[in-house]
Amino acid sequence: NARGVKSSRGGEWHATTVRNLMIRNYGA
């Protein structure tokens, strides 16, 4: 959020969106 990177839907990042991103790419 500090870097101005938007989430996939154009919103802000939250812990859960980061977690979902990590799970999508690296599994659990």
mmCIF file of all heavy atoms, coordinates in Angstrom:
data_MODEL
# 
_entry.id   MODEL 
# 
loop_
_atom_site.group_PDB 
_atom_site.id 
_atom_site.type_symbol 
_atom_site.label_atom_id 
_atom_site.label_alt_id 
_atom_site.label_comp_id 
_atom_site.label_asym_id 
_atom_site.label_entity_id 
_atom_site.label_seq_id 
_atom_site.pdbx_PDB_ins_code 
_atom_site.Cartn_x 
_atom_site.Cartn_y 
_atom_site.Cartn_z 
_atom_site.occupancy 
_atom_site.B_iso_or_equiv 
_atom_site.pdbx_formal_charge 
_atom_site.auth_seq_id 
_atom_site.auth_comp_id 
_atom_site.auth_asym_id 
_atom_site.auth_atom_id 
_atom_site.pdbx_PDB_model_num 
ATOM 1   N N   . ASN A 1 1  ? 0.830   -1.212  0.000  1.00 0.00 ? 1  ASN A N   1 
ATOM 2   C CA  . ASN A 1 1  ? 0.000   0.000   0.000  1.00 0.00 ? 1  ASN A CA  1 
ATOM 3   C C   . ASN A 1 1  ? 0.862   1.258   0.000  1.00 0.00 ? 1  ASN A C   1 
ATOM 4   O O   . ASN A 1 1  ? 0.552   2.235   -0.691 1.00 0.00 ? 1  ASN A O   1 
ATOM 5   C CB  . ASN A 1 1  ? -0.954  -0.006  1.194  1.00 0.00 ? 1  ASN A CB  1 
ATOM 6   C CG  . ASN A 1 1  ? -2.036  -1.057  1.054  1.00 0.00 ? 1  ASN A CG  1 
ATOM 7   O OD1 . ASN A 1 1  ? -2.454  -1.387  -0.051 1.00 0.00 ? 1  ASN A OD1 1 
ATOM 8   N ND2 . ASN A 1 1  ? -2.482  -1.592  2.174  1.00 0.00 ? 1  ASN A ND2 1 
ATOM 9   N N   . ALA A 1 2  ? 1.969   1.246   0.759  1.00 0.00 ? 2  ALA A N   1 
ATOM 10  C CA  . ALA A 1 2  ? 2.861   2.406   0.800  1.00 0.00 ? 2  ALA A CA  1 
ATOM 11  C C   . ALA A 1 2  ? 3.499   2.661   -0.553 1.00 0.00 ? 2  ALA A C   1 
ATOM 12  O O   . ALA A 1 2  ? 3.757   3.809   -0.915 1.00 0.00 ? 2  ALA A O   1 
ATOM 13  C CB  . ALA A 1 2  ? 3.941   2.190   1.867  1.00 0.00 ? 2  ALA A CB  1 
ATOM 14  N N   . ARG A 1 3  ? 3.754   1.604   -1.296 1.00 0.00 ? 3  ARG A N   1 
ATOM 15  C CA  . ARG A 1 3  ? 4.340   1.753   -2.640 1.00 0.00 ? 3  ARG A CA  1 
ATOM 16  C C   . ARG A 1 3  ? 3.303   2.111   -3.701 1.00 0.00 ? 3  ARG A C   1 
ATOM 17  O O   . ARG A 1 3  ? 3.643   2.346   -4.846 1.00 0.00 ? 3  ARG A O   1 
ATOM 18  C CB  . ARG A 1 3  ? 5.025   0.453   -3.062 1.00 0.00 ? 3  ARG A CB  1 
ATOM 19  C CG  . ARG A 1 3  ? 6.276   0.147   -2.282 1.00 0.00 ? 3  ARG A CG  1 
ATOM 20  C CD  . ARG A 1 3  ? 6.931   -1.088  -2.819 1.00 0.00 ? 3  ARG A CD  1 
ATOM 21  N NE  . ARG A 1 3  ? 8.136   -1.409  -2.076 1.00 0.00 ? 3  ARG A NE  1 
ATOM 22  C CZ  . ARG A 1 3  ? 9.118   -2.162  -2.553 1.00 0.00 ? 3  ARG A CZ  1 
ATOM 23  N NH1 . ARG A 1 3  ? 9.025   -2.666  -3.772 1.00 0.00 ? 3  ARG A NH1 1 
ATOM 24  N NH2 . ARG A 1 3  ? 10.173  -2.406  -1.818 1.00 0.00 ? 3  ARG A NH2 1 
ATOM 25  N N   . GLY A 1 4  ? 2.031   2.109   -3.327 1.00 0.00 ? 4  GLY A N   1 
ATOM 26  C CA  . GLY A 1 4  ? 0.973   2.455   -4.278 1.00 0.00 ? 4  GLY A CA  1 
ATOM 27  C C   . GLY A 1 4  ? 0.577   1.313   -5.194 1.00 0.00 ? 4  GLY A C   1 
ATOM 28  O O   . GLY A 1 4  ? -0.073  1.539   -6.214 1.00 0.00 ? 4  GLY A O   1 
ATOM 29  N N   . VAL A 1 5  ? 0.959   0.092   -4.830 1.00 0.00 ? 5  VAL A N   1 
ATOM 30  C CA  . VAL A 1 5  ? 0.581   -1.070  -5.628 1.00 0.00 ? 5  VAL A CA  1 
ATOM 31  C C   . VAL A 1 5  ? -0.860  -1.414  -5.304 1.00 0.00 ? 5  VAL A C   1 
ATOM 32  O O   . VAL A 1 5  ? -1.217  -1.593  -4.138 1.00 0.00 ? 5  VAL A O   1 
ATOM 33  C CB  . VAL A 1 5  ? 1.502   -2.274  -5.324 1.00 0.00 ? 5  VAL A CB  1 
ATOM 34  C CG1 . VAL A 1 5  ? 1.070   -3.500  -6.104 1.00 0.00 ? 5  VAL A CG1 1 
ATOM 35  C CG2 . VAL A 1 5  ? 2.946   -1.915  -5.622 1.00 0.00 ? 5  VAL A CG2 1 
ATOM 36  N N   . LYS A 1 6  ? -1.709  -1.502  -6.311 1.00 0.00 ? 6  LYS A N   1 
ATOM 37  C CA  . LYS A 1 6  ? -3.117  -1.823  -6.112 1.00 0.00 ? 6  LYS A CA  1 
ATOM 38  C C   . LYS A 1 6  ? -3.324  -3.324  -6.175 1.00 0.00 ? 6  LYS A C   1 
ATOM 39  O O   . LYS A 1 6  ? -2.607  -4.042  -6.875 1.00 0.00 ? 6  LYS A O   1 
ATOM 40  C CB  . LYS A 1 6  ? -3.986  -1.145  -7.180 1.00 0.00 ? 6  LYS A CB  1 
ATOM 41  C CG  . LYS A 1 6  ? -3.938  0.371   -7.131 1.00 0.00 ? 6  LYS A CG  1 
ATOM 42  C CD  . LYS A 1 6  ? -4.590  0.869   -5.875 1.00 0.00 ? 6  LYS A CD  1 
ATOM 43  C CE  . LYS A 1 6  ? -4.606  2.384   -5.818 1.00 0.00 ? 6  LYS A CE  1 
ATOM 44  N NZ  . LYS A 1 6  ? -5.051  2.874   -4.545 1.00 0.00 ? 6  LYS A NZ  1 
ATOM 45  N N   . SER A 1 7  ? -4.337  -3.802  -5.480 1.00 0.00 ? 7  SER A N   1 
ATOM 46  C CA  . SER A 1 7  ? -4.674  -5.222  -5.523 1.00 0.00 ? 7  SER A CA  1 
ATOM 47  C C   . SER A 1 7  ? -5.300  -5.541  -6.881 1.00 0.00 ? 7  SER A C   1 
ATOM 48  O O   . SER A 1 7  ? -5.528  -4.656  -7.709 1.00 0.00 ? 7  SER A O   1 
ATOM 49  C CB  . SER A 1 7  ? -5.632  -5.571  -4.386 1.00 0.00 ? 7  SER A CB  1 
ATOM 50  O OG  . SER A 1 7  ? -6.895  -4.981  -4.625 1.00 0.00 ? 7  SER A OG  1 
ATOM 51  N N   . SER A 1 8  ? -5.614  -6.792  -7.109 1.00 0.00 ? 8  SER A N   1 
ATOM 52  C CA  . SER A 1 8  ? -6.132  -7.208  -8.418 1.00 0.00 ? 8  SER A CA  1 
ATOM 53  C C   . SER A 1 8  ? -7.434  -6.515  -8.780 1.00 0.00 ? 8  SER A C   1 
ATOM 54  O O   . SER A 1 8  ? -7.732  -6.342  -9.955 1.00 0.00 ? 8  SER A O   1 
ATOM 55  C CB  . SER A 1 8  ? -6.327  -8.728  -8.458 1.00 0.00 ? 8  SER A CB  1 
ATOM 56  O OG  . SER A 1 8  ? -7.295  -9.115  -7.510 1.00 0.00 ? 8  SER A OG  1 
ATOM 57  N N   . ARG A 1 9  ? -8.183  -6.106  -7.794 1.00 0.00 ? 9  ARG A N   1 
ATOM 58  C CA  . ARG A 1 9  ? -9.443  -5.410  -8.066 1.00 0.00 ? 9  ARG A CA  1 
ATOM 59  C C   . ARG A 1 9  ? -9.309  -3.898  -7.916 1.00 0.00 ? 9  ARG A C   1 
ATOM 60  O O   . ARG A 1 9  ? -10.299 -3.175  -7.856 1.00 0.00 ? 9  ARG A O   1 
ATOM 61  C CB  . ARG A 1 9  ? -10.536 -5.933  -7.149 1.00 0.00 ? 9  ARG A CB  1 
ATOM 62  C CG  . ARG A 1 9  ? -10.859 -7.385  -7.449 1.00 0.00 ? 9  ARG A CG  1 
ATOM 63  C CD  . ARG A 1 9  ? -12.040 -7.854  -6.690 1.00 0.00 ? 9  ARG A CD  1 
ATOM 64  N NE  . ARG A 1 9  ? -12.292 -9.253  -6.998 1.00 0.00 ? 9  ARG A NE  1 
ATOM 65  C CZ  . ARG A 1 9  ? -13.324 -9.918  -6.552 1.00 0.00 ? 9  ARG A CZ  1 
ATOM 66  N NH1 . ARG A 1 9  ? -14.205 -9.333  -5.784 1.00 0.00 ? 9  ARG A NH1 1 
ATOM 67  N NH2 . ARG A 1 9  ? -13.485 -11.178 -6.869 1.00 0.00 ? 9  ARG A NH2 1 
ATOM 68  N N   . GLY A 1 10 ? -8.085  -3.424  -7.804 1.00 0.00 ? 10 GLY A N   1 
ATOM 69  C CA  . GLY A 1 10 ? -7.848  -1.988  -7.755 1.00 0.00 ? 10 GLY A CA  1 
ATOM 70  C C   . GLY A 1 10 ? -7.931  -1.374  -6.371 1.00 0.00 ? 10 GLY A C   1 
ATOM 71  O O   . GLY A 1 10 ? -7.886  -0.158  -6.241 1.00 0.00 ? 10 GLY A O   1 
ATOM 72  N N   . GLY A 1 11 ? -8.045  -2.200  -5.347 1.00 0.00 ? 11 GLY A N   1 
ATOM 73  C CA  . GLY A 1 11 ? -8.158  -1.683  -3.992 1.00 0.00 ? 11 GLY A CA  1 
ATOM 74  C C   . GLY A 1 11 ? -6.852  -1.778  -3.234 1.00 0.00 ? 11 GLY A C   1 
ATOM 75  O O   . GLY A 1 11 ? -5.786  -1.986  -3.821 1.00 0.00 ? 11 GLY A O   1 
ATOM 76  N N   . GLU A 1 12 ? -6.956  -1.618  -1.929 1.00 0.00 ? 12 GLU A N   1 
ATOM 77  C CA  . GLU A 1 12 ? -5.776  -1.707  -1.074 1.00 0.00 ? 12 GLU A CA  1 
ATOM 78  C C   . GLU A 1 12 ? -5.542  -3.152  -0.665 1.00 0.00 ? 12 GLU A C   1 
ATOM 79  O O   . GLU A 1 12 ? -6.434  -3.990  -0.722 1.00 0.00 ? 12 GLU A O   1 
ATOM 80  C CB  . GLU A 1 12 ? -5.967  -0.828  0.169  1.00 0.00 ? 12 GLU A CB  1 
ATOM 81  C CG  . GLU A 1 12 ? -5.939  0.643   -0.154 1.00 0.00 ? 12 GLU A CG  1 
ATOM 82  C CD  . GLU A 1 12 ? -5.798  1.488   1.093  1.00 0.00 ? 12 GLU A CD  1 
ATOM 83  O OE1 . GLU A 1 12 ? -5.838  0.943   2.210  1.00 0.00 ? 12 GLU A OE1 1 
ATOM 84  O OE2 . GLU A 1 12 ? -5.628  2.701   0.937  1.00 0.00 ? 12 GLU A OE2 1 
ATOM 85  N N   . TRP A 1 13 ? -4.313  -3.403  -0.241 1.00 0.00 ? 13 TRP A N   1 
ATOM 86  C CA  . TRP A 1 13 ? -3.923  -4.734  0.213  1.00 0.00 ? 13 TRP A CA  1 
ATOM 87  C C   . TRP A 1 13 ? -4.268  -4.902  1.678  1.00 0.00 ? 13 TRP A C   1 
ATOM 88  O O   . TRP A 1 13 ? -4.194  -3.956  2.458  1.00 0.00 ? 13 TRP A O   1 
ATOM 89  C CB  . TRP A 1 13 ? -2.426  -4.931  0.014  1.00 0.00 ? 13 TRP A CB  1 
ATOM 90  C CG  . TRP A 1 13 ? -2.059  -5.065  -1.418 1.00 0.00 ? 13 TRP A CG  1 
ATOM 91  C CD1 . TRP A 1 13 ? -1.729  -4.066  -2.280 1.00 0.00 ? 13 TRP A CD1 1 
ATOM 92  C CD2 . TRP A 1 13 ? -2.013  -6.274  -2.174 1.00 0.00 ? 13 TRP A CD2 1 
ATOM 93  N NE1 . TRP A 1 13 ? -1.480  -4.581  -3.522 1.00 0.00 ? 13 TRP A NE1 1 
ATOM 94  C CE2 . TRP A 1 13 ? -1.635  -5.940  -3.486 1.00 0.00 ? 13 TRP A CE2 1 
ATOM 95  C CE3 . TRP A 1 13 ? -2.243  -7.612  -1.870 1.00 0.00 ? 13 TRP A CE3 1 
ATOM 96  C CZ2 . TRP A 1 13 ? -1.494  -6.883  -4.491 1.00 0.00 ? 13 TRP A CZ2 1 
ATOM 97  C CZ3 . TRP A 1 13 ? -2.100  -8.560  -2.870 1.00 0.00 ? 13 TRP A CZ3 1 
ATOM 98  C CH2 . TRP A 1 13 ? -1.728  -8.191  -4.165 1.00 0.00 ? 13 TRP A CH2 1 
ATOM 99  N N   . HIS A 1 14 ? -4.637  -6.111  2.034  1.00 0.00 ? 14 HIS A N   1 
ATOM 100 C CA  . HIS A 1 14 ? -4.879  -6.509  3.416  1.00 0.00 ? 14 HIS A CA  1 
ATOM 101 C C   . HIS A 1 14 ? -4.110  -7.801  3.646  1.00 0.00 ? 14 HIS A C   1 
ATOM 102 O O   . HIS A 1 14 ? -3.650  -8.444  2.698  1.00 0.00 ? 14 HIS A O   1 
ATOM 103 C CB  . HIS A 1 14 ? -6.372  -6.723  3.673  1.00 0.00 ? 14 HIS A CB  1 
ATOM 104 C CG  . HIS A 1 14 ? -7.199  -5.515  3.362  1.00 0.00 ? 14 HIS A CG  1 
ATOM 105 N ND1 . HIS A 1 14 ? -7.319  -4.452  4.227  1.00 0.00 ? 14 HIS A ND1 1 
ATOM 106 C CD2 . HIS A 1 14 ? -7.921  -5.198  2.264  1.00 0.00 ? 14 HIS A CD2 1 
ATOM 107 C CE1 . HIS A 1 14 ? -8.087  -3.534  3.674  1.00 0.00 ? 14 HIS A CE1 1 
ATOM 108 N NE2 . HIS A 1 14 ? -8.467  -3.955  2.483  1.00 0.00 ? 14 HIS A NE2 1 
ATOM 109 N N   . ALA A 1 15 ? -3.991  -8.184  4.893  1.00 0.00 ? 15 ALA A N   1 
ATOM 110 C CA  . ALA A 1 15 ? -3.260  -9.420  5.198  1.00 0.00 ? 15 ALA A CA  1 
ATOM 111 C C   . ALA A 1 15 ? -3.854  -10.610 4.449  1.00 0.00 ? 15 ALA A C   1 
ATOM 112 O O   . ALA A 1 15 ? -3.124  -11.457 3.920  1.00 0.00 ? 15 ALA A O   1 
ATOM 113 C CB  . ALA A 1 15 ? -3.276  -9.672  6.701  1.00 0.00 ? 15 ALA A CB  1 
ATOM 114 N N   . THR A 1 16 ? -5.173  -10.657 4.351  1.00 0.00 ? 16 THR A N   1 
ATOM 115 C CA  . THR A 1 16 ? -5.805  -11.798 3.677  1.00 0.00 ? 16 THR A CA  1 
ATOM 116 C C   . THR A 1 16 ? -5.536  -11.804 2.179  1.00 0.00 ? 16 THR A C   1 
ATOM 117 O O   . THR A 1 16 ? -5.375  -12.880 1.594  1.00 0.00 ? 16 THR A O   1 
ATOM 118 C CB  . THR A 1 16 ? -7.319  -11.810 3.920  1.00 0.00 ? 16 THR A CB  1 
ATOM 119 O OG1 . THR A 1 16 ? -7.867  -10.549 3.539  1.00 0.00 ? 16 THR A OG1 1 
ATOM 120 C CG2 . THR A 1 16 ? -7.651  -12.116 5.363  1.00 0.00 ? 16 THR A CG2 1 
ATOM 121 N N   . THR A 1 17 ? -5.470  -10.635 1.542  1.00 0.00 ? 17 THR A N   1 
ATOM 122 C CA  . THR A 1 17 ? -5.184  -10.626 0.107  1.00 0.00 ? 17 THR A CA  1 
ATOM 123 C C   . THR A 1 17 ? -3.746  -11.034 -0.159 1.00 0.00 ? 17 THR A C   1 
ATOM 124 O O   . THR A 1 17 ? -3.465  -11.724 -1.140 1.00 0.00 ? 17 THR A O   1 
ATOM 125 C CB  . THR A 1 17 ? -5.487  -9.246  -0.522 1.00 0.00 ? 17 THR A CB  1 
ATOM 126 O OG1 . THR A 1 17 ? -4.852  -8.222  0.229  1.00 0.00 ? 17 THR A OG1 1 
ATOM 127 C CG2 . THR A 1 17 ? -6.977  -8.987  -0.601 1.00 0.00 ? 17 THR A CG2 1 
ATOM 128 N N   . VAL A 1 18 ? -2.829  -10.645 0.726  1.00 0.00 ? 18 VAL A N   1 
ATOM 129 C CA  . VAL A 1 18 ? -1.432  -11.089 0.589  1.00 0.00 ? 18 VAL A CA  1 
ATOM 130 C C   . VAL A 1 18 ? -1.366  -12.594 0.796  1.00 0.00 ? 18 VAL A C   1 
ATOM 131 O O   . VAL A 1 18 ? -0.709  -13.311 0.039  1.00 0.00 ? 18 VAL A O   1 
ATOM 132 C CB  . VAL A 1 18 ? -0.512  -10.354 1.582  1.00 0.00 ? 18 VAL A CB  1 
ATOM 133 C CG1 . VAL A 1 18 ? 0.884   -10.953 1.565  1.00 0.00 ? 18 VAL A CG1 1 
ATOM 134 C CG2 . VAL A 1 18 ? -0.462  -8.870  1.262  1.00 0.00 ? 18 VAL A CG2 1 
ATOM 135 N N   . ARG A 1 19 ? -2.052  -13.089 1.822  1.00 0.00 ? 19 ARG A N   1 
ATOM 136 C CA  . ARG A 1 19 ? -2.074  -14.525 2.094  1.00 0.00 ? 19 ARG A CA  1 
ATOM 137 C C   . ARG A 1 19 ? -2.606  -15.291 0.887  1.00 0.00 ? 19 ARG A C   1 
ATOM 138 O O   . ARG A 1 19 ? -2.022  -16.295 0.470  1.00 0.00 ? 19 ARG A O   1 
ATOM 139 C CB  . ARG A 1 19 ? -2.956  -14.805 3.317  1.00 0.00 ? 19 ARG A CB  1 
ATOM 140 C CG  . ARG A 1 19 ? -3.091  -16.265 3.652  1.00 0.00 ? 19 ARG A CG  1 
ATOM 141 C CD  . ARG A 1 19 ? -4.094  -16.456 4.810  1.00 0.00 ? 19 ARG A CD  1 
ATOM 142 N NE  . ARG A 1 19 ? -4.512  -17.824 4.873  1.00 0.00 ? 19 ARG A NE  1 
ATOM 143 C CZ  . ARG A 1 19 ? -5.510  -18.351 4.166  1.00 0.00 ? 19 ARG A CZ  1 
ATOM 144 N NH1 . ARG A 1 19 ? -6.206  -17.610 3.341  1.00 0.00 ? 19 ARG A NH1 1 
ATOM 145 N NH2 . ARG A 1 19 ? -5.832  -19.629 4.299  1.00 0.00 ? 19 ARG A NH2 1 
ATOM 146 N N   . ASN A 1 20 ? -3.714  -14.826 0.298  1.00 0.00 ? 20 ASN A N   1 
ATOM 147 C CA  . ASN A 1 20 ? -4.282  -15.504 -0.871 1.00 0.00 ? 20 ASN A CA  1 
ATOM 148 C C   . ASN A 1 20 ? -3.303  -15.501 -2.042 1.00 0.00 ? 20 ASN A C   1 
ATOM 149 O O   . ASN A 1 20 ? -3.196  -16.487 -2.775 1.00 0.00 ? 20 ASN A O   1 
ATOM 150 C CB  . ASN A 1 20 ? -5.603  -14.852 -1.278 1.00 0.00 ? 20 ASN A CB  1 
ATOM 151 C CG  . ASN A 1 20 ? -6.683  -15.054 -0.247 1.00 0.00 ? 20 ASN A CG  1 
ATOM 152 O OD1 . ASN A 1 20 ? -6.596  -15.939 0.591  1.00 0.00 ? 20 ASN A OD1 1 
ATOM 153 N ND2 . ASN A 1 20 ? -7.703  -14.217 -0.303 1.00 0.00 ? 20 ASN A ND2 1 
ATOM 154 N N   . LEU A 1 21 ? -2.598  -14.395 -2.224 1.00 0.00 ? 21 LEU A N   1 
ATOM 155 C CA  . LEU A 1 21 ? -1.597  -14.302 -3.283 1.00 0.00 ? 21 LEU A CA  1 
ATOM 156 C C   . LEU A 1 21 ? -0.496  -15.338 -3.064 1.00 0.00 ? 21 LEU A C   1 
ATOM 157 O O   . LEU A 1 21 ? -0.092  -16.040 -3.997 1.00 0.00 ? 21 LEU A O   1 
ATOM 158 C CB  . LEU A 1 21 ? -1.000  -12.894 -3.319 1.00 0.00 ? 21 LEU A CB  1 
ATOM 159 C CG  . LEU A 1 21 ? 0.137   -12.665 -4.305 1.00 0.00 ? 21 LEU A CG  1 
ATOM 160 C CD1 . LEU A 1 21 ? -0.420  -12.513 -5.706 1.00 0.00 ? 21 LEU A CD1 1 
ATOM 161 C CD2 . LEU A 1 21 ? 0.933   -11.448 -3.915 1.00 0.00 ? 21 LEU A CD2 1 
ATOM 162 N N   . MET A 1 22 ? -0.027  -15.435 -1.840 1.00 0.00 ? 22 MET A N   1 
ATOM 163 C CA  . MET A 1 22 ? 1.054   -16.376 -1.529 1.00 0.00 ? 22 MET A CA  1 
ATOM 164 C C   . MET A 1 22 ? 0.589   -17.820 -1.687 1.00 0.00 ? 22 MET A C   1 
ATOM 165 O O   . MET A 1 22 ? 1.313   -18.660 -2.227 1.00 0.00 ? 22 MET A O   1 
ATOM 166 C CB  . MET A 1 22 ? 1.565   -16.141 -0.112 1.00 0.00 ? 22 MET A CB  1 
ATOM 167 C CG  . MET A 1 22 ? 2.076   -14.729 0.122  1.00 0.00 ? 22 MET A CG  1 
ATOM 168 S SD  . MET A 1 22 ? 3.449   -14.297 -0.911 1.00 0.00 ? 22 MET A SD  1 
ATOM 169 C CE  . MET A 1 22 ? 4.755   -14.655 0.212  1.00 0.00 ? 22 MET A CE  1 
ATOM 170 N N   . ILE A 1 23 ? -0.613  -18.106 -1.237 1.00 0.00 ? 23 ILE A N   1 
ATOM 171 C CA  . ILE A 1 23 ? -1.141  -19.476 -1.380 1.00 0.00 ? 23 ILE A CA  1 
ATOM 172 C C   . ILE A 1 23 ? -1.311  -19.824 -2.848 1.00 0.00 ? 23 ILE A C   1 
ATOM 173 O O   . ILE A 1 23 ? -1.003  -20.943 -3.272 1.00 0.00 ? 23 ILE A O   1 
ATOM 174 C CB  . ILE A 1 23 ? -2.470  -19.630 -0.602 1.00 0.00 ? 23 ILE A CB  1 
ATOM 175 C CG1 . ILE A 1 23 ? -2.179  -19.625 0.896  1.00 0.00 ? 23 ILE A CG1 1 
ATOM 176 C CG2 . ILE A 1 23 ? -3.199  -20.888 -1.004 1.00 0.00 ? 23 ILE A CG2 1 
ATOM 177 C CD1 . ILE A 1 23 ? -3.410  -19.600 1.756  1.00 0.00 ? 23 ILE A CD1 1 
ATOM 178 N N   . ARG A 1 24 ? -1.804  -18.883 -3.645 1.00 0.00 ? 24 ARG A N   1 
ATOM 179 C CA  . ARG A 1 24 ? -2.004  -19.134 -5.068 1.00 0.00 ? 24 ARG A CA  1 
ATOM 180 C C   . ARG A 1 24 ? -0.683  -19.517 -5.741 1.00 0.00 ? 24 ARG A C   1 
ATOM 181 O O   . ARG A 1 24 ? -0.645  -20.366 -6.616 1.00 0.00 ? 24 ARG A O   1 
ATOM 182 C CB  . ARG A 1 24 ? -2.592  -17.902 -5.756 1.00 0.00 ? 24 ARG A CB  1 
ATOM 183 C CG  . ARG A 1 24 ? -2.625  -18.011 -7.280 1.00 0.00 ? 24 ARG A CG  1 
ATOM 184 C CD  . ARG A 1 24 ? -3.319  -16.854 -7.927 1.00 0.00 ? 24 ARG A CD  1 
ATOM 185 N NE  . ARG A 1 24 ? -4.726  -16.806 -7.634 1.00 0.00 ? 24 ARG A NE  1 
ATOM 186 C CZ  . ARG A 1 24 ? -5.651  -17.630 -8.143 1.00 0.00 ? 24 ARG A CZ  1 
ATOM 187 N NH1 . ARG A 1 24 ? -5.275  -18.583 -8.954 1.00 0.00 ? 24 ARG A NH1 1 
ATOM 188 N NH2 . ARG A 1 24 ? -6.908  -17.517 -7.844 1.00 0.00 ? 24 ARG A NH2 1 
ATOM 189 N N   . ASN A 1 25 ? 0.397   -18.890 -5.322 1.00 0.00 ? 25 ASN A N   1 
ATOM 190 C CA  . ASN A 1 25 ? 1.663   -19.097 -6.010 1.00 0.00 ? 25 ASN A CA  1 
ATOM 191 C C   . ASN A 1 25 ? 2.564   -20.137 -5.370 1.00 0.00 ? 25 ASN A C   1 
ATOM 192 O O   . ASN A 1 25 ? 3.407   -20.711 -6.038 1.00 0.00 ? 25 ASN A O   1 
ATOM 193 C CB  . ASN A 1 25 ? 2.415   -17.770 -6.114 1.00 0.00 ? 25 ASN A CB  1 
ATOM 194 C CG  . ASN A 1 25 ? 1.753   -16.881 -7.128 1.00 0.00 ? 25 ASN A CG  1 
ATOM 195 O OD1 . ASN A 1 25 ? 1.906   -17.093 -8.302 1.00 0.00 ? 25 ASN A OD1 1 
ATOM 196 N ND2 . ASN A 1 25 ? 0.969   -15.932 -6.663 1.00 0.00 ? 25 ASN A ND2 1 
ATOM 197 N N   . TYR A 1 26 ? 2.410   -20.367 -4.070 1.00 0.00 ? 26 TYR A N   1 
ATOM 198 C CA  . TYR A 1 26 ? 3.347   -21.262 -3.393 1.00 0.00 ? 26 TYR A CA  1 
ATOM 199 C C   . TYR A 1 26 ? 2.654   -22.357 -2.586 1.00 0.00 ? 26 TYR A C   1 
ATOM 200 O O   . TYR A 1 26 ? 3.291   -23.021 -1.789 1.00 0.00 ? 26 TYR A O   1 
ATOM 201 C CB  . TYR A 1 26 ? 4.272   -20.454 -2.471 1.00 0.00 ? 26 TYR A CB  1 
ATOM 202 C CG  . TYR A 1 26 ? 5.050   -19.439 -3.241 1.00 0.00 ? 26 TYR A CG  1 
ATOM 203 C CD1 . TYR A 1 26 ? 4.726   -18.098 -3.158 1.00 0.00 ? 26 TYR A CD1 1 
ATOM 204 C CD2 . TYR A 1 26 ? 6.064   -19.833 -4.096 1.00 0.00 ? 26 TYR A CD2 1 
ATOM 205 C CE1 . TYR A 1 26 ? 5.439   -17.163 -3.895 1.00 0.00 ? 26 TYR A CE1 1 
ATOM 206 C CE2 . TYR A 1 26 ? 6.777   -18.906 -4.832 1.00 0.00 ? 26 TYR A CE2 1 
ATOM 207 C CZ  . TYR A 1 26 ? 6.448   -17.570 -4.729 1.00 0.00 ? 26 TYR A CZ  1 
ATOM 208 O OH  . TYR A 1 26 ? 7.126   -16.651 -5.457 1.00 0.00 ? 26 TYR A OH  1 
ATOM 209 N N   . GLY A 1 27 ? 1.353   -22.491 -2.722 1.00 0.00 ? 27 GLY A N   1 
ATOM 210 C CA  . GLY A 1 27 ? 0.646   -23.462 -1.907 1.00 0.00 ? 27 GLY A CA  1 
ATOM 211 C C   . GLY A 1 27 ? 0.500   -22.934 -0.493 1.00 0.00 ? 27 GLY A C   1 
ATOM 212 O O   . GLY A 1 27 ? 0.606   -21.746 -0.249 1.00 0.00 ? 27 GLY A O   1 
ATOM 213 N N   . ALA A 1 28 ? 0.275   -23.786 0.440  1.00 0.00 ? 28 ALA A N   1 
ATOM 214 C CA  . ALA A 1 28 ? 0.098   -23.364 1.833  1.00 0.00 ? 28 ALA A CA  1 
ATOM 215 C C   . ALA A 1 28 ? 1.367   -22.702 2.336  1.00 0.00 ? 28 ALA A C   1 
ATOM 216 O O   . ALA A 1 28 ? 2.439   -23.265 2.259  1.00 0.00 ? 28 ALA A O   1 
ATOM 217 C CB  . ALA A 1 28 ? -0.245  -24.558 2.704  1.00 0.00 ? 28 ALA A CB  1 
# 
